[in-house]
Amino acid sequence: MQKNQVARLLAYVTGMVNQQLLLQNEYLLAENRILRAHLPTRLLLTDP
């Protein structure tokens, strides 16, 4: 019985962490889209 409770708790915590990482990834993707929209199509890099 005790192992089952530990396994359920671990599954719950893992799911919450996974959910948080998915939300962070969605936020970063949206942020990148917004920032790229403000840049020219191609950045020109120079040595100096």
C-alpha atoms as a PDB file:
ATOM      1  CA  MET A   1       0.000   0.000   0.000  1.00  0.00           C
ATOM      2  CA  GLN A   2       2.789   2.449   0.898  1.00  0.00           C
ATOM      3  CA  LYS A   3       4.602   1.916  -2.440  1.00  0.00           C
ATOM      4  CA  ASN A   4       1.406   2.669  -4.328  1.00  0.00           C
ATOM      5  CA  GLN A   5       1.014   5.993  -2.519  1.00  0.00           C
ATOM      6  CA  VAL A   6       4.617   6.958  -3.206  1.00  0.00           C
ATOM      7  CA  ALA A   7       4.219   6.044  -6.883  1.00  0.00           C
ATOM      8  CA  ARG A   8       1.047   8.142  -7.165  1.00  0.00           C
ATOM      9  CA  LEU A   9       2.705  11.117  -5.475  1.00  0.00           C
ATOM     10  CA  LEU A  10       5.733  10.828  -7.750  1.00  0.00           C
ATOM     11  CA  ALA A  11       3.487  10.641 -10.820  1.00  0.00           C
ATOM     12  CA  TYR A  12       1.620  13.751  -9.667  1.00  0.00           C
ATOM     13  CA  VAL A  13       4.802  15.754  -9.039  1.00  0.00           C
ATOM     14  CA  THR A  14       6.281  14.646 -12.362  1.00  0.00           C
ATOM     15  CA  GLY A  15       3.111  15.706 -14.154  1.00  0.00           C
ATOM     16  CA  MET A  16       3.184  19.123 -12.506  1.00  0.00           C
ATOM     17  CA  VAL A  17       6.832  19.667 -13.476  1.00  0.00           C
ATOM     18  CA  ASN A  18       6.076  18.551 -17.036  1.00  0.00           C
ATOM     19  CA  GLN A  19       3.134  20.962 -17.216  1.00  0.00           C
ATOM     20  CA  GLN A  20       5.317  23.837 -16.002  1.00  0.00           C
ATOM     21  CA  LEU A  21       8.017  23.081 -18.589  1.00  0.00           C
ATOM     22  CA  LEU A  22       5.434  22.996 -21.381  1.00  0.00           C
ATOM     23  CA  LEU A  23       4.098  26.390 -20.297  1.00  0.00           C
ATOM     24  CA  GLN A  24       7.616  27.846 -20.209  1.00  0.00           C
ATOM     25  CA  ASN A  25       8.326  26.497 -23.704  1.00  0.00           C
ATOM     26  CA  GLU A  26       5.112  28.030 -25.062  1.00  0.00           C
ATOM     27  CA  TYR A  27       6.020  31.378 -23.500  1.00  0.00           C
ATOM     28  CA  LEU A  28       9.534  31.320 -24.993  1.00  0.00           C
ATOM     29  CA  LEU A  29       8.229  30.394 -28.443  1.00  0.00           C
ATOM     30  CA  ALA A  30       5.794  33.314 -28.364  1.00  0.00           C
ATOM     31  CA  GLU A  31       8.521  35.651 -27.120  1.00  0.00           C
ATOM     32  CA  ASN A  32      10.854  34.565 -29.945  1.00  0.00           C
ATOM     33  CA  ARG A  33       8.129  35.114 -32.542  1.00  0.00           C
ATOM     34  CA  ILE A  34       7.507  38.637 -31.241  1.00  0.00           C
ATOM     35  CA  LEU A  35      11.193  39.539 -31.096  1.00  0.00           C
ATOM     36  CA  ARG A  36      11.903  38.140 -34.567  1.00  0.00           C
ATOM     37  CA  ALA A  37       9.052  40.217 -35.973  1.00  0.00           C
ATOM     38  CA  HIS A  38      10.981  43.343 -34.921  1.00  0.00           C
ATOM     39  CA  LEU A  39      14.215  42.296 -36.634  1.00  0.00           C
ATOM     40  CA  PRO A  40      15.093  42.721 -40.283  1.00  0.00           C
ATOM     41  CA  THR A  41      14.895  39.551 -42.330  1.00  0.00           C
ATOM     42  CA  ARG A  42      18.635  39.069 -42.201  1.00  0.00           C
ATOM     43  CA  LEU A  43      21.253  40.358 -39.787  1.00  0.00           C
ATOM     44  CA  LEU A  44      24.522  41.485 -41.297  1.00  0.00           C
ATOM     45  CA  LEU A  45      27.500  40.758 -39.068  1.00  0.00           C
ATOM     46  CA  THR A  46      30.834  42.524 -39.396  1.00  0.00           C
ATOM     47  CA  ASP A  47      34.262  41.843 -37.941  1.00  0.00           C
ATOM     48  CA  PRO A  48      34.540  45.041 -35.856  1.00  0.00           C
END
